[in-house]
C-alpha cells in the first residue's frame, strides 16, 4: 500500500483531464502524459481510494479520465497560450477541490487530504511552444523516417527532417509502443503539401 496523487492536467489543445499517480511517479506521470500544465488536488492513502476520487471527479465535475495521444499531438501544432492553459487548469483544479471537500462524509480523514500543489514540467520545453509547428504528414508506424528530435512532450515529438530542415514537424509516436526501432541514417520523403491559408 502506497500513497497516490490525484491531479488535473491540461493539454496543448485546452483539454482538462483528471488522473492518478503513485507516489514514486508523482512528477514523471504528468510528463509522460504530455501535460502542458498540471496541479495536484489530493493525496490518497492508496490506489483504491484515489481511483474512487478519480471517478467522483468524472461523475461530479465532468473531468474526463483519458485524452487520445493523437489529440495531444494535434494540439501541439497550433499556437499555444500558456497563460490561458494555466487559467483553465487552475479553474478545473479549484472545481476538483470543491468536489473533494463535498466528499468528506463518504471517506474518513485518514483516506485522503486535499492539496494545492502545482506540477513543475521538465526544463527546456519552451521550444515546443514557440515558432511554427506542422503535423508530421506520414504514419510513423510504417516505413523509414529520418527525424531529428528537437523536443518531446508525452508521446509527441517536435522534429526536423533533412528535406525541410527549417520546419518543425510534430509527430505522434504513440503507435510505436511495443515496436522495434532501428536507429540510423534515414531520410523522410515528404509528400507535397500546401501551406495553410489561414
Foldseek 3Di string as FASTA:
>chain_A
DFKKWWKWFAALQGAIAIEMDTPVCVQVVQQQLQGPWMKTWKIFRDDVLVVVLRVLCCVPVVHHHDDDLVVRLVSLQDAGDSVVSHVSRVVSSVSSNVSVVVCDVVDDPRGMDTDTGIHDHDPPCVVSNDDGEAAQPDQPVDDDAAWDFDDDGNQWTFTAFPVGRVYTHIYRRPVCVPPDDDDDHDHDDGDDDDDDPD
